[in-house]
Amino acid sequence: MRTSETRDKRLHLGASAAMFAAIIFAGLLAQISRGQTRSDPAPPSESVTAPVQFDVVSVKMHSPENRDSRMQLLPDGVRLSNLALQDLIVQEYGLVLSDQIAGLPNWANSERFDIEAKVAGADVAAFKKLTLDQVRAMGRPILADRFKFASHEEKDVRPLYALVVAKGGSKLQLSTLSSDDRDARTGLIGMGHASSSNGAGMNELTARGVAMDRLARVLSQQGLGRVVLDNTGLTGRYDFKLTWAPDSVAADPNPTDTSVPSIFTAVSEQLGLKLEPQKGPLPVLVVDHIEAPSPN
């Protein structure tokens, strides 16, 4: 990977970490959807190459005074702020949950980094056409170069949920998001709160131009304790809203309080989809070597 002599490698490893609870959701806002489905997450050993490489890479220790966290897809690269290395590995290797990584030291989750990587001006047009797997492949040399990261893949049979179309059929509407919209590459997902008719607090997800593999990733982060795989066979991009009960109810497939819908009921009634419990092999990334960057 080509790197600039002017890249800033200033790091301070003794800084305290800011809270980073929203990192996975923020990361999803920066993903490129390929408009196709797959039966399992992209395996870490999958051979993917990109036609371009990052020309300038900056890695800095995140200032604990700044609590902002984001993962942005830029026209000429990526910008990651307040990022734990564990979360970067999850993104770059196409994993869903952090427990799909084995052997990480504690600092890989506690220390936070700001990373910015850009392609050369001549490569911007090509970068805009890359698939998600290709963008991920561009980021892996950053791990190898700056963190001396090496790993191998193993498979582990685990409980999971398969996202499938319910018997009554999908209720999803094709997206009205214009292909000229600045967010057309990634789609938009917003997480917020709403109130039910009886005043109970509700979780609310609003999506525009979102593919089903991305919805599956979001659902995996909602306290279900399992990876959700997209087995819908739906290849389009959709606009939808999903509203469900707070986390204390969301992960219960048979809740006693039925005044507000669990996430299982909401997915079925509002989207025409279903979360089916299954077991299956999932990729697990085993860390062979990793180093904390040296301060200077």
C-alpha atoms as a PDB file:
ATOM      1  CA  MET A   1       0.000   0.000   0.000  1.00  0.00           C
ATOM      2  CA  ARG A   2       1.382   3.413  -0.933  1.00  0.00           C
ATOM      3  CA  THR A   3       1.590   5.833   1.964  1.00  0.00           C
ATOM      4  CA  SER A   4       2.657   9.456   2.107  1.00  0.00           C
ATOM      5  CA  GLU A   5       5.755  10.550   3.989  1.00  0.00           C
ATOM      6  CA  THR A   6       3.651  13.405   5.321  1.00  0.00           C
ATOM      7  CA  ARG A   7       1.034  11.215   7.006  1.00  0.00           C
ATOM      8  CA  ASP A   8       0.576  12.004  10.662  1.00  0.00           C
ATOM      9  CA  LYS A   9       1.459   9.086  12.944  1.00  0.00           C
ATOM     10  CA  ARG A  10       1.200  10.950  16.217  1.00  0.00           C
ATOM     11  CA  LEU A  11      -0.241   8.609  18.829  1.00  0.00           C
ATOM     12  CA  HIS A  12      -0.740   8.872  22.550  1.00  0.00           C
ATOM     13  CA  LEU A  13      -1.541   5.476  24.042  1.00  0.00           C
ATOM     14  CA  GLY A  14      -2.233   6.607  27.621  1.00  0.00           C
ATOM     15  CA  ALA A  15      -5.393   8.581  26.877  1.00  0.00           C
ATOM     16  CA  SER A  16      -8.719   7.527  28.367  1.00  0.00           C
ATOM     17  CA  ALA A  17     -11.417   6.370  25.918  1.00  0.00           C
ATOM     18  CA  ALA A  18     -14.700   8.138  25.241  1.00  0.00           C
ATOM     19  CA  MET A  19     -17.972   6.258  25.276  1.00  0.00           C
ATOM     20  CA  PHE A  20     -18.590   4.625  21.887  1.00  0.00           C
ATOM     21  CA  ALA A  21     -21.941   2.855  22.106  1.00  0.00           C
ATOM     22  CA  ALA A  22     -23.161   3.996  18.664  1.00  0.00           C
ATOM     23  CA  ILE A  23     -20.126   2.949  16.617  1.00  0.00           C
ATOM     24  CA  ILE A  24     -21.699   0.032  14.770  1.00  0.00           C
ATOM     25  CA  PHE A  25     -24.739   2.058  13.747  1.00  0.00           C
ATOM     26  CA  ALA A  26     -22.520   4.934  12.635  1.00  0.00           C
ATOM     27  CA  GLY A  27     -20.431   2.501  10.649  1.00  0.00           C
ATOM     28  CA  LEU A  28     -23.471   1.214   8.832  1.00  0.00           C
ATOM     29  CA  LEU A  29     -24.162   4.699   7.546  1.00  0.00           C
ATOM     30  CA  ALA A  30     -20.858   4.532   5.677  1.00  0.00           C
ATOM     31  CA  GLN A  31     -21.298   1.157   3.996  1.00  0.00           C
ATOM     32  CA  ILE A  32     -21.829   0.551   0.299  1.00  0.00           C
ATOM     33  CA  SER A  33     -24.541  -1.985  -0.479  1.00  0.00           C
ATOM     34  CA  ARG A  34     -23.964  -4.181  -3.512  1.00  0.00           C
ATOM     35  CA  GLY A  35     -27.689  -4.739  -4.116  1.00  0.00           C
ATOM     36  CA  GLN A  36     -27.403  -8.507  -3.652  1.00  0.00           C
ATOM     37  CA  THR A  37     -27.863 -10.972  -0.813  1.00  0.00           C
ATOM     38  CA  ARG A  38     -25.671 -13.658   0.672  1.00  0.00           C
ATOM     39  CA  SER A  39     -26.416 -16.527   3.025  1.00  0.00           C
ATOM     40  CA  ASP A  40     -23.670 -15.640   5.498  1.00  0.00           C
ATOM     41  CA  PRO A  41     -21.363 -12.717   6.312  1.00  0.00           C
ATOM     42  CA  ALA A  42     -18.384 -12.207   4.026  1.00  0.00           C
ATOM     43  CA  PRO A  43     -15.786 -14.726   5.234  1.00  0.00           C
ATOM     44  CA  PRO A  44     -12.570 -13.111   6.469  1.00  0.00           C
ATOM     45  CA  SER A  45     -10.447 -15.190   4.105  1.00  0.00           C
ATOM     46  CA  GLU A  46     -12.478 -14.202   1.033  1.00  0.00           C
ATOM     47  CA  SER A  47     -10.086 -13.089  -1.701  1.00  0.00           C
ATOM     48  CA  VAL A  48     -11.097  -9.589  -2.693  1.00  0.00           C
ATOM     49  CA  THR A  49      -8.964  -7.017  -4.455  1.00  0.00           C
ATOM     50  CA  ALA A  50      -9.555  -3.378  -5.257  1.00  0.00           C
ATOM     51  CA  PRO A  51      -8.410  -1.648  -8.455  1.00  0.00           C
ATOM     52  CA  VAL A  52      -7.088   1.310  -6.418  1.00  0.00           C
ATOM     53  CA  GLN A  53      -5.213   1.782  -3.144  1.00  0.00           C
ATOM     54  CA  PHE A  54      -5.167   4.479  -0.496  1.00  0.00           C
ATOM     55  CA  ASP A  55      -2.508   7.059  -1.235  1.00  0.00           C
ATOM     56  CA  VAL A  56      -2.475   8.925   2.104  1.00  0.00           C
ATOM     57  CA  VAL A  57      -3.271   7.341   5.479  1.00  0.00           C
ATOM     58  CA  SER A  58      -3.429   9.173   8.815  1.00  0.00           C
ATOM     59  CA  VAL A  59      -3.768   7.320  12.142  1.00  0.00           C
ATOM     60  CA  LYS A  60      -4.048   9.352  15.361  1.00  0.00           C
ATOM     61  CA  MET A  61      -5.065   8.671  18.932  1.00  0.00           C
ATOM     62  CA  HIS A  62      -8.546  10.113  19.490  1.00  0.00           C
ATOM     63  CA  SER A  63      -8.743  12.994  21.966  1.00  0.00           C
ATOM     64  CA  PRO A  64     -10.835  11.983  25.007  1.00  0.00           C
ATOM     65  CA  GLU A  65     -12.245  15.536  25.145  1.00  0.00           C
ATOM     66  CA  ASN A  66     -14.000  14.936  21.820  1.00  0.00           C
ATOM     67  CA  ARG A  67     -16.886  12.499  22.232  1.00  0.00           C
ATOM     68  CA  ASP A  68     -18.016  12.598  18.601  1.00  0.00           C
ATOM     69  CA  SER A  69     -17.879   9.283  16.762  1.00  0.00           C
ATOM     70  CA  ARG A  70     -18.478   8.670  13.079  1.00  0.00           C
ATOM     71  CA  MET A  71     -17.554   6.529  10.119  1.00  0.00           C
ATOM     72  CA  GLN A  72     -17.859   8.452   6.858  1.00  0.00           C
ATOM     73  CA  LEU A  73     -17.580   7.394   3.265  1.00  0.00           C
ATOM     74  CA  LEU A  74     -15.996  10.304   1.395  1.00  0.00           C
ATOM     75  CA  PRO A  75     -15.864  10.800  -2.378  1.00  0.00           C
ATOM     76  CA  ASP A  76     -12.116  10.093  -2.223  1.00  0.00           C
ATOM     77  CA  GLY A  77     -11.768   7.832   0.822  1.00  0.00           C
ATOM     78  CA  VAL A  78     -12.967   7.193   4.370  1.00  0.00           C
ATOM     79  CA  ARG A  79     -12.875   9.094   7.666  1.00  0.00           C
ATOM     80  CA  LEU A  80     -13.242   7.186  10.960  1.00  0.00           C
ATOM     81  CA  SER A  81     -13.439   9.042  14.270  1.00  0.00           C
ATOM     82  CA  ASN A  82     -13.396   7.705  17.857  1.00  0.00           C
ATOM     83  CA  LEU A  83     -13.010   4.168  16.594  1.00  0.00           C
ATOM     84  CA  ALA A  84     -11.955   1.173  18.655  1.00  0.00           C
ATOM     85  CA  LEU A  85      -9.647  -1.131  16.725  1.00  0.00           C
ATOM     86  CA  GLN A  86     -12.031  -3.989  17.459  1.00  0.00           C
ATOM     87  CA  ASP A  87     -14.784  -2.183  15.529  1.00  0.00           C
ATOM     88  CA  LEU A  88     -12.467  -1.446  12.617  1.00  0.00           C
ATOM     89  CA  ILE A  89     -11.645  -5.155  12.359  1.00  0.00           C
ATOM     90  CA  VAL A  90     -15.358  -6.020  12.411  1.00  0.00           C
ATOM     91  CA  GLN A  91     -15.970  -3.622   9.516  1.00  0.00           C
ATOM     92  CA  GLU A  92     -12.924  -4.454   7.417  1.00  0.00           C
ATOM     93  CA  TYR A  93     -13.454  -8.221   7.595  1.00  0.00           C
ATOM     94  CA  GLY A  94     -17.205  -8.173   6.983  1.00  0.00           C
ATOM     95  CA  LEU A  95     -18.122  -9.499  10.422  1.00  0.00           C
ATOM     96  CA  VAL A  96     -21.302  -8.577  12.281  1.00  0.00           C
ATOM     97  CA  LEU A  97     -20.574  -8.859  16.009  1.00  0.00           C
ATOM     98  CA  SER A  98     -17.351  -8.310  17.920  1.00  0.00           C
ATOM     99  CA  ASP A  99     -17.582 -11.767  19.491  1.00  0.00           C
ATOM    100  CA  GLN A 100     -16.688 -13.129  16.058  1.00  0.00           C
ATOM    101  CA  ILE A 101     -13.097 -12.098  16.866  1.00  0.00           C
ATOM    102  CA  ALA A 102     -10.933 -14.259  19.150  1.00  0.00           C
ATOM    103  CA  GLY A 103      -7.635 -13.320  20.753  1.00  0.00           C
ATOM    104  CA  LEU A 104      -7.830  -9.514  20.806  1.00  0.00           C
ATOM    105  CA  PRO A 105      -6.005  -7.731  23.658  1.00  0.00           C
ATOM    106  CA  ASN A 106      -8.056  -5.449  25.917  1.00  0.00           C
ATOM    107  CA  TRP A 107      -6.551  -2.262  24.494  1.00  0.00           C
ATOM    108  CA  ALA A 108      -8.052  -3.063  21.073  1.00  0.00           C
ATOM    109  CA  ASN A 109     -11.463  -2.257  22.549  1.00  0.00           C
ATOM    110  CA  SER A 110     -10.521   0.481  25.044  1.00  0.00           C
ATOM    111  CA  GLU A 111      -8.186   2.695  23.004  1.00  0.00           C
ATOM    112  CA  ARG A 112      -9.815   4.922  20.370  1.00  0.00           C
ATOM    113  CA  PHE A 113      -8.361   6.095  17.073  1.00  0.00           C
ATOM    114  CA  ASP A 114      -9.036   8.634  14.331  1.00  0.00           C
ATOM    115  CA  ILE A 115      -8.224   7.248  10.893  1.00  0.00           C
ATOM    116  CA  GLU A 116      -8.432   9.026   7.561  1.00  0.00           C
ATOM    117  CA  ALA A 117      -7.472   7.410   4.263  1.00  0.00           C
ATOM    118  CA  LYS A 118      -7.702   8.936   0.795  1.00  0.00           C
ATOM    119  CA  VAL A 119      -6.936   7.825  -2.737  1.00  0.00           C
ATOM    120  CA  ALA A 120      -4.914   9.887  -5.198  1.00  0.00           C
ATOM    121  CA  GLY A 121      -6.822  12.427  -7.274  1.00  0.00           C
ATOM    122  CA  ALA A 122      -6.485  10.293 -10.397  1.00  0.00           C
ATOM    123  CA  ASP A 123      -8.199   7.377  -8.619  1.00  0.00           C
ATOM    124  CA  VAL A 124     -11.291   9.200  -7.284  1.00  0.00           C
ATOM    125  CA  ALA A 125     -13.564   8.163 -10.167  1.00  0.00           C
ATOM    126  CA  ALA A 126     -12.577   4.510  -9.767  1.00  0.00           C
ATOM    127  CA  PHE A 127     -13.034   4.662  -5.984  1.00  0.00           C
ATOM    128  CA  LYS A 128     -16.628   5.837  -6.349  1.00  0.00           C
ATOM    129  CA  LYS A 129     -17.457   2.627  -8.254  1.00  0.00           C
ATOM    130  CA  LEU A 130     -16.037   0.170  -5.704  1.00  0.00           C
ATOM    131  CA  THR A 131     -18.147  -2.473  -3.998  1.00  0.00           C
ATOM    132  CA  LEU A 132     -18.282  -2.829  -0.219  1.00  0.00           C
ATOM    133  CA  ASP A 133     -15.952  -5.840  -0.310  1.00  0.00           C
ATOM    134  CA  GLN A 134     -13.417  -3.859  -2.329  1.00  0.00           C
ATOM    135  CA  VAL A 135     -13.498  -0.913   0.084  1.00  0.00           C
ATOM    136  CA  ARG A 136     -12.991  -3.352   2.950  1.00  0.00           C
ATOM    137  CA  ALA A 137     -10.025  -4.878   1.142  1.00  0.00           C
ATOM    138  CA  MET A 138      -8.469  -1.413   0.871  1.00  0.00           C
ATOM    139  CA  GLY A 139      -8.651  -0.994   4.630  1.00  0.00           C
ATOM    140  CA  ARG A 140      -6.982  -4.244   5.616  1.00  0.00           C
ATOM    141  CA  PRO A 141      -3.448  -3.048   4.715  1.00  0.00           C
ATOM    142  CA  ILE A 142      -3.926  -0.253   7.283  1.00  0.00           C
ATOM    143  CA  LEU A 143      -4.341  -2.916   9.955  1.00  0.00           C
ATOM    144  CA  ALA A 144      -1.296  -4.811   8.711  1.00  0.00           C
ATOM    145  CA  ASP A 145       0.903  -1.728   8.296  1.00  0.00           C
ATOM    146  CA  ARG A 146       0.035   0.278  11.406  1.00  0.00           C
ATOM    147  CA  PHE A 147      -0.983  -2.460  13.851  1.00  0.00           C
ATOM    148  CA  LYS A 148       1.021  -5.433  12.474  1.00  0.00           C
ATOM    149  CA  PHE A 149      -2.267  -7.304  12.368  1.00  0.00           C
ATOM    150  CA  ALA A 150      -2.291 -10.944  11.222  1.00  0.00           C
ATOM    151  CA  SER A 151      -5.146 -13.437  11.550  1.00  0.00           C
ATOM    152  CA  HIS A 152      -6.763 -16.562  10.212  1.00  0.00           C
ATOM    153  CA  GLU A 153     -10.371 -17.703   9.863  1.00  0.00           C
ATOM    154  CA  GLU A 154     -12.136 -20.548  11.609  1.00  0.00           C
ATOM    155  CA  LYS A 155     -15.774 -21.621  11.508  1.00  0.00           C
ATOM    156  CA  ASP A 156     -17.940 -21.958  14.595  1.00  0.00           C
ATOM    157  CA  VAL A 157     -21.497 -23.331  14.660  1.00  0.00           C
ATOM    158  CA  ARG A 158     -23.606 -20.857  16.629  1.00  0.00           C
ATOM    159  CA  PRO A 159     -27.258 -19.925  17.171  1.00  0.00           C
ATOM    160  CA  LEU A 160     -28.379 -17.255  14.717  1.00  0.00           C
ATOM    161  CA  TYR A 161     -31.478 -15.718  13.191  1.00  0.00           C
ATOM    162  CA  ALA A 162     -32.329 -15.988   9.512  1.00  0.00           C
ATOM    163  CA  LEU A 163     -34.237 -12.999   8.135  1.00  0.00           C
ATOM    164  CA  VAL A 164     -36.789 -14.466   5.690  1.00  0.00           C
ATOM    165  CA  VAL A 165     -39.982 -13.360   3.942  1.00  0.00           C
ATOM    166  CA  ALA A 166     -43.063 -14.201   6.026  1.00  0.00           C
ATOM    167  CA  LYS A 167     -45.847 -16.402   4.675  1.00  0.00           C
ATOM    168  CA  GLY A 168     -48.044 -13.434   3.820  1.00  0.00           C
ATOM    169  CA  GLY A 169     -45.330 -11.874   1.693  1.00  0.00           C
ATOM    170  CA  SER A 170     -43.141  -8.806   2.049  1.00  0.00           C
ATOM    171  CA  LYS A 171     -44.742  -5.465   2.896  1.00  0.00           C
ATOM    172  CA  LEU A 172     -41.678  -3.490   1.823  1.00  0.00           C
ATOM    173  CA  GLN A 173     -41.951  -0.646  -0.681  1.00  0.00           C
ATOM    174  CA  LEU A 174     -39.212   0.001  -3.224  1.00  0.00           C
ATOM    175  CA  SER A 175     -37.220   3.112  -2.391  1.00  0.00           C
ATOM    176  CA  THR A 176     -38.022   6.508  -3.843  1.00  0.00           C
ATOM    177  CA  LEU A 177     -34.477   7.714  -3.134  1.00  0.00           C
ATOM    178  CA  SER A 178     -33.083   9.184  -6.347  1.00  0.00           C
ATOM    179  CA  SER A 179     -29.928   7.683  -7.792  1.00  0.00           C
ATOM    180  CA  ASP A 180     -28.655  11.266  -7.939  1.00  0.00           C
ATOM    181  CA  ASP A 181     -29.080  11.736  -4.198  1.00  0.00           C
ATOM    182  CA  ARG A 182     -25.801  12.136  -2.314  1.00  0.00           C
ATOM    183  CA  ASP A 183     -26.823   9.241  -0.021  1.00  0.00           C
ATOM    184  CA  ALA A 184     -27.803   6.878  -2.839  1.00  0.00           C
ATOM    185  CA  ARG A 185     -24.578   4.841  -2.474  1.00  0.00           C
ATOM    186  CA  THR A 186     -25.239   3.963   1.145  1.00  0.00           C
ATOM    187  CA  GLY A 187     -28.906   4.556   1.817  1.00  0.00           C
ATOM    188  CA  LEU A 188     -30.018   6.151   5.074  1.00  0.00           C
ATOM    189  CA  ILE A 189     -30.860   4.590   8.433  1.00  0.00           C
ATOM    190  CA  GLY A 190     -31.902   6.664  11.426  1.00  0.00           C
ATOM    191  CA  MET A 191     -32.432   5.361  14.951  1.00  0.00           C
ATOM    192  CA  GLY A 192     -34.704   7.241  17.345  1.00  0.00           C
ATOM    193  CA  HIS A 193     -37.482   6.945  19.883  1.00  0.00           C
ATOM    194  CA  ALA A 194     -41.261   7.146  19.603  1.00  0.00           C
ATOM    195  CA  SER A 195     -44.263   6.714  21.918  1.00  0.00           C
ATOM    196  CA  SER A 196     -46.967   4.062  21.623  1.00  0.00           C
ATOM    197  CA  SER A 197     -50.689   4.758  22.032  1.00  0.00           C
ATOM    198  CA  ASN A 198     -50.416   3.960  25.753  1.00  0.00           C
ATOM    199  CA  GLY A 199     -47.430   6.270  26.193  1.00  0.00           C
ATOM    200  CA  ALA A 200     -44.795   3.529  26.353  1.00  0.00           C
ATOM    201  CA  GLY A 201     -41.367   4.360  24.947  1.00  0.00           C
ATOM    202  CA  MET A 202     -40.533   2.673  21.660  1.00  0.00           C
ATOM    203  CA  ASN A 203     -37.470   2.169  19.491  1.00  0.00           C
ATOM    204  CA  GLU A 204     -37.880   3.486  15.944  1.00  0.00           C
ATOM    205  CA  LEU A 205     -35.796   2.749  12.857  1.00  0.00           C
ATOM    206  CA  THR A 206     -36.363   4.796   9.695  1.00  0.00           C
ATOM    207  CA  ALA A 207     -34.744   3.638   6.447  1.00  0.00           C
ATOM    208  CA  ARG A 208     -34.472   5.024   2.932  1.00  0.00           C
ATOM    209  CA  GLY A 209     -32.825   3.194   0.070  1.00  0.00           C
ATOM    210  CA  VAL A 210     -31.699   0.333   2.307  1.00  0.00           C
ATOM    211  CA  ALA A 211     -30.900  -3.217   1.170  1.00  0.00           C
ATOM    212  CA  MET A 212     -31.826  -6.292   3.187  1.00  0.00           C
ATOM    213  CA  ASP A 213     -28.264  -7.291   4.068  1.00  0.00           C
ATOM    214  CA  ARG A 214     -27.872  -3.935   5.776  1.00  0.00           C
ATOM    215  CA  LEU A 215     -31.168  -4.359   7.654  1.00  0.00           C
ATOM    216  CA  ALA A 216     -29.918  -7.747   8.864  1.00  0.00           C
ATOM    217  CA  ARG A 217     -26.769  -6.088  10.218  1.00  0.00           C
ATOM    218  CA  VAL A 218     -28.797  -3.452  12.055  1.00  0.00           C
ATOM    219  CA  LEU A 219     -31.060  -6.095  13.580  1.00  0.00           C
ATOM    220  CA  SER A 220     -27.964  -7.971  14.764  1.00  0.00           C
ATOM    221  CA  GLN A 221     -27.118  -4.941  16.913  1.00  0.00           C
ATOM    222  CA  GLN A 222     -30.484  -4.714  18.689  1.00  0.00           C
ATOM    223  CA  GLY A 223     -29.773  -6.870  21.725  1.00  0.00           C
ATOM    224  CA  LEU A 224     -30.763 -10.172  20.140  1.00  0.00           C
ATOM    225  CA  GLY A 225     -27.482 -11.823  21.116  1.00  0.00           C
ATOM    226  CA  ARG A 226     -27.192 -13.483  17.706  1.00  0.00           C
ATOM    227  CA  VAL A 227     -26.068 -12.652  14.204  1.00  0.00           C
ATOM    228  CA  VAL A 228     -28.960 -12.032  11.787  1.00  0.00           C
ATOM    229  CA  LEU A 229     -28.393 -13.299   8.245  1.00  0.00           C
ATOM    230  CA  ASP A 230     -30.258 -12.022   5.198  1.00  0.00           C
ATOM    231  CA  ASN A 231     -32.045 -14.991   3.640  1.00  0.00           C
ATOM    232  CA  THR A 232     -34.928 -12.976   2.161  1.00  0.00           C
ATOM    233  CA  GLY A 233     -33.792 -13.232  -1.454  1.00  0.00           C
ATOM    234  CA  LEU A 234     -34.892  -9.593  -1.879  1.00  0.00           C
ATOM    235  CA  THR A 235     -32.362  -7.690  -3.961  1.00  0.00           C
ATOM    236  CA  GLY A 236     -33.881  -4.202  -4.074  1.00  0.00           C
ATOM    237  CA  ARG A 237     -33.501  -1.109  -1.925  1.00  0.00           C
ATOM    238  CA  TYR A 238     -36.454  -0.155   0.246  1.00  0.00           C
ATOM    239  CA  ASP A 239     -37.993   2.646   2.306  1.00  0.00           C
ATOM    240  CA  PHE A 240     -39.552   1.541   5.592  1.00  0.00           C
ATOM    241  CA  LYS A 241     -40.108   2.305   9.253  1.00  0.00           C
ATOM    242  CA  LEU A 242     -39.821  -0.226  12.070  1.00  0.00           C
ATOM    243  CA  THR A 243     -41.083   0.472  15.598  1.00  0.00           C
ATOM    244  CA  TRP A 244     -40.696  -1.920  18.507  1.00  0.00           C
ATOM    245  CA  ALA A 245     -40.534  -2.208  22.296  1.00  0.00           C
ATOM    246  CA  PRO A 246     -37.540  -1.200  24.425  1.00  0.00           C
ATOM    247  CA  ASP A 247     -34.543  -3.480  24.776  1.00  0.00           C
ATOM    248  CA  SER A 248     -35.954  -5.266  27.835  1.00  0.00           C
ATOM    249  CA  VAL A 249     -38.700  -6.688  25.615  1.00  0.00           C
ATOM    250  CA  ALA A 250     -37.057  -6.607  22.199  1.00  0.00           C
ATOM    251  CA  ALA A 251     -35.036  -9.823  22.534  1.00  0.00           C
ATOM    252  CA  ASP A 252     -37.918 -11.931  23.885  1.00  0.00           C
ATOM    253  CA  PRO A 253     -39.584 -13.956  21.087  1.00  0.00           C
ATOM    254  CA  ASN A 254     -42.550 -14.713  23.419  1.00  0.00           C
ATOM    255  CA  PRO A 255     -43.105 -11.576  25.530  1.00  0.00           C
ATOM    256  CA  THR A 256     -45.757 -11.527  28.279  1.00  0.00           C
ATOM    257  CA  ASP A 257     -46.435  -7.823  27.698  1.00  0.00           C
ATOM    258  CA  THR A 258     -48.140  -7.671  24.315  1.00  0.00           C
ATOM    259  CA  SER A 259     -49.276  -4.039  24.569  1.00  0.00           C
ATOM    260  CA  VAL A 260     -46.161  -3.056  22.582  1.00  0.00           C
ATOM    261  CA  PRO A 261     -44.580  -5.241  19.875  1.00  0.00           C
ATOM    262  CA  SER A 262     -41.309  -7.074  20.385  1.00  0.00           C
ATOM    263  CA  ILE A 263     -38.799  -6.747  17.575  1.00  0.00           C
ATOM    264  CA  PHE A 264     -39.921 -10.193  16.348  1.00  0.00           C
ATOM    265  CA  THR A 265     -43.572  -9.091  16.125  1.00  0.00           C
ATOM    266  CA  ALA A 266     -42.638  -5.748  14.583  1.00  0.00           C
ATOM    267  CA  VAL A 267     -40.536  -7.314  11.838  1.00  0.00           C
ATOM    268  CA  SER A 268     -43.412  -9.640  10.977  1.00  0.00           C
ATOM    269  CA  GLU A 269     -46.351  -7.246  11.171  1.00  0.00           C
ATOM    270  CA  GLN A 270     -44.691  -4.089   9.844  1.00  0.00           C
ATOM    271  CA  LEU A 271     -42.278  -5.460   7.222  1.00  0.00           C
ATOM    272  CA  GLY A 272     -43.765  -8.823   6.238  1.00  0.00           C
ATOM    273  CA  LEU A 273     -40.527 -10.532   7.238  1.00  0.00           C
ATOM    274  CA  LYS A 274     -39.637 -13.057   9.922  1.00  0.00           C
ATOM    275  CA  LEU A 275     -36.703 -13.811  12.217  1.00  0.00           C
ATOM    276  CA  GLU A 276     -36.274 -17.597  12.266  1.00  0.00           C
ATOM    277  CA  PRO A 277     -34.007 -19.130  14.939  1.00  0.00           C
ATOM    278  CA  GLN A 278     -31.425 -21.454  13.417  1.00  0.00           C
ATOM    279  CA  LYS A 279     -27.929 -22.787  13.952  1.00  0.00           C
ATOM    280  CA  GLY A 280     -25.195 -22.485  11.404  1.00  0.00           C
ATOM    281  CA  PRO A 281     -21.487 -21.942  10.809  1.00  0.00           C
ATOM    282  CA  LEU A 282     -20.274 -18.377  11.224  1.00  0.00           C
ATOM    283  CA  PRO A 283     -16.794 -17.045  10.453  1.00  0.00           C
ATOM    284  CA  VAL A 284     -14.614 -16.359  13.476  1.00  0.00           C
ATOM    285  CA  LEU A 285     -11.443 -14.313  13.021  1.00  0.00           C
ATOM    286  CA  VAL A 286      -8.600 -15.623  15.194  1.00  0.00           C
ATOM    287  CA  VAL A 287      -5.881 -13.047  15.881  1.00  0.00           C
ATOM    288  CA  ASP A 288      -2.358 -14.393  15.323  1.00  0.00           C
ATOM    289  CA  HIS A 289      -0.506 -11.125  15.953  1.00  0.00           C
ATOM    290  CA  ILE A 290      -1.281  -7.503  16.784  1.00  0.00           C
ATOM    291  CA  GLU A 291       0.714  -4.553  18.140  1.00  0.00           C
ATOM    292  CA  ALA A 292      -0.251  -1.219  19.630  1.00  0.00           C
ATOM    293  CA  PRO A 293       1.194   1.637  17.568  1.00  0.00           C
ATOM    294  CA  SER A 294       4.247   3.229  19.205  1.00  0.00           C
ATOM    295  CA  PRO A 295       3.807   6.822  20.459  1.00  0.00           C
ATOM    296  CA  ASN A 296       6.167   9.469  19.116  1.00  0.00           C
END
